[in-house]
Protein backbone atom coordinates (compact mmCIF):
# COMPACT_ATOMS: atom_id res chain seq x y z
CA UNK A 1 66.95 150.29 131.48
CA UNK A 2 63.80 148.57 132.16
CA UNK A 3 63.39 147.13 135.58
CA UNK A 4 63.30 143.72 134.02
CA UNK A 5 66.32 144.09 132.24
CA UNK A 6 68.12 145.28 135.26
CA UNK A 7 66.70 142.09 137.25
CA UNK A 8 68.28 139.86 134.54
CA UNK A 9 71.53 141.71 134.80
CA UNK A 10 71.63 140.96 138.21
CA UNK A 11 70.49 137.41 138.31
CA UNK A 12 72.49 135.60 135.60
CA UNK A 13 71.54 131.97 135.31
CA UNK A 14 74.81 130.67 134.95
CA UNK A 15 75.88 128.27 137.97
CA UNK A 16 72.15 128.36 139.44
CA UNK A 17 72.34 125.41 142.12
CA UNK A 18 69.63 124.25 144.28
CA UNK A 19 69.91 121.25 146.91
CA UNK A 20 66.84 118.63 146.62
CA UNK A 21 65.80 115.61 148.25
CA UNK A 22 65.00 112.50 145.75
CA UNK A 23 64.83 109.74 147.79
CA UNK A 24 63.64 108.75 151.55
CA UNK A 25 66.79 106.09 150.96
CA UNK A 26 69.47 108.70 151.68
CA UNK A 27 69.82 109.39 155.07
CA UNK A 28 72.82 110.28 157.33
CA UNK A 29 73.95 108.48 160.43
CA UNK A 30 71.46 110.95 162.55
CA UNK A 31 68.74 109.85 160.21
CA UNK A 32 68.53 113.23 158.59
CA UNK A 33 67.50 113.24 154.67
CA UNK A 34 70.61 114.10 152.94
CA UNK A 35 70.45 116.29 149.81
CA UNK A 36 71.91 116.38 146.39
CA UNK A 37 73.14 119.63 144.92
CA UNK A 38 72.17 120.16 141.72
CA UNK A 39 72.98 122.99 138.79
CA UNK A 40 70.56 124.12 136.37
CA UNK A 41 71.32 123.40 132.34
CA UNK A 42 71.24 125.97 129.57
CA UNK A 43 69.22 125.25 126.26
CA UNK A 44 72.39 124.48 124.60
CA UNK A 45 73.10 121.88 127.01
CA UNK A 46 69.86 120.25 126.39
CA UNK A 47 70.28 120.79 122.76
CA UNK A 48 73.68 118.95 122.80
CA UNK A 49 72.15 115.94 124.79
CA UNK A 50 69.46 115.47 122.36
CA UNK A 51 71.68 115.57 119.57
CA UNK A 52 74.25 112.87 120.66
CA UNK A 53 71.11 110.72 121.85
CA UNK A 54 69.67 110.71 118.18
CA UNK A 55 70.22 107.71 116.25
CA UNK A 56 69.42 106.86 112.79
CA UNK A 57 67.78 103.22 112.52
CA UNK A 58 69.58 101.55 109.59
CA UNK A 59 67.12 98.68 109.84
CA UNK A 60 64.11 101.09 108.84
CA UNK A 61 63.29 101.63 105.26
CA UNK A 62 63.17 105.54 105.60
CA UNK A 63 65.94 105.77 107.76
CA UNK A 64 63.88 107.16 110.81
CA UNK A 65 65.99 108.88 113.56
CA UNK A 66 65.57 107.55 116.95
CA UNK A 67 65.99 109.76 120.15
CA UNK A 68 66.91 107.59 123.45
CA UNK A 69 65.40 109.20 126.12
CA UNK A 70 67.35 107.39 128.54
CA UNK A 71 70.85 108.70 127.48
CA UNK A 72 69.12 111.91 127.90
CA UNK A 73 68.39 111.59 131.24
CA UNK A 74 71.59 110.13 132.13
CA UNK A 75 73.73 113.00 130.32
CA UNK A 76 71.24 115.42 132.36
CA UNK A 77 71.74 113.80 135.91
CA UNK A 78 75.70 113.13 135.16
CA UNK A 79 76.39 116.62 133.95
CA UNK A 80 74.12 118.62 136.48
CA UNK A 81 74.46 116.85 139.54
CA UNK A 82 77.25 119.01 141.51
CA UNK A 83 77.33 116.75 144.72
CA UNK A 84 77.82 114.03 144.77
CA UNK A 85 79.85 113.64 141.48
CA UNK A 86 78.87 110.89 139.08
CA UNK A 87 82.29 111.86 137.33
CA UNK A 88 84.35 111.07 140.45
CA UNK A 89 87.03 108.51 139.05
CA UNK A 90 87.92 107.24 142.36
CA UNK A 91 84.42 106.33 142.97
CA UNK A 92 83.96 105.12 139.52
CA UNK A 93 86.90 102.79 139.90
CA UNK A 94 86.06 101.84 143.64
CA UNK A 95 82.92 99.96 142.35
CA UNK A 96 84.48 98.53 139.27
CA UNK A 97 82.48 100.74 136.85
CA UNK A 98 83.77 101.96 133.76
CA UNK A 99 82.44 105.22 133.20
CA UNK A 100 80.01 107.96 134.98
CA UNK A 101 76.85 106.34 133.24
CA UNK A 102 77.57 102.95 134.73
CA UNK A 103 78.51 104.31 137.99
CA UNK A 104 75.20 106.15 138.01
CA UNK A 105 73.09 103.14 137.31
CA UNK A 106 75.05 101.36 140.17
CA UNK A 107 74.36 103.88 142.88
CA UNK A 108 70.93 104.90 142.20
CA UNK A 109 67.66 103.27 141.57
CA UNK A 110 65.88 103.85 138.24
CA UNK A 111 63.33 105.98 139.98
CA UNK A 112 65.92 108.03 141.76
CA UNK A 113 67.59 108.86 138.38
CA UNK A 114 64.57 110.17 137.10
CA UNK A 115 63.57 112.15 139.98
CA UNK A 116 67.19 113.66 139.85
CA UNK A 117 66.52 114.60 135.97
CA UNK A 118 63.02 115.97 136.59
CA UNK A 119 64.39 118.40 139.32
CA UNK A 120 67.38 119.53 137.35
CA UNK A 121 64.79 120.17 134.52
CA UNK A 122 62.46 122.09 136.70
CA UNK A 123 65.30 124.25 138.05
CA UNK A 124 66.23 124.77 134.19
CA UNK A 125 62.61 126.06 133.75
CA UNK A 126 61.33 123.11 132.24
CA UNK A 127 58.38 121.50 133.43
CA UNK A 128 56.83 124.75 134.66
CA UNK A 129 53.19 125.52 134.78
CA UNK A 130 53.02 128.67 133.00
CA UNK A 131 49.09 129.11 133.80
CA UNK A 132 50.11 129.27 137.61
CA UNK A 133 52.69 131.71 136.71
CA UNK A 134 50.20 133.95 134.83
CA UNK A 135 47.82 133.81 137.73
CA UNK A 136 50.23 134.66 140.32
CA UNK A 137 51.69 137.57 138.10
CA UNK A 138 48.12 138.82 137.80
CA UNK A 139 47.75 138.96 141.78
């Protein structure tokens, strides 16, 4: 078995998590930055979010498919943020929201949602600078 194969077998990507800081706004009582725990997503997860965000515009003559990128971003954040949980029923109820998406938008600023989605995509292998990785591998 190759060394790469052994590495892959020892390091499966299911349940890959990381703690990240997304904003200076989140500080505890001692003033320390609070971290969000995020979980990597699979290619199947991303495909599912993209498929759900596709809508056929009935007003266009050629029935053009439109993709709601905001829906994809919200799905990524809601489903891949471990702590805090945006799906927590008690928190959703407490703030008078009707679902995880509305709760997410009530507690995070637009830029914070984007930053969290960016971090989730990063640990999922998206937005990787492959040229830097190739240079690193050469050295």
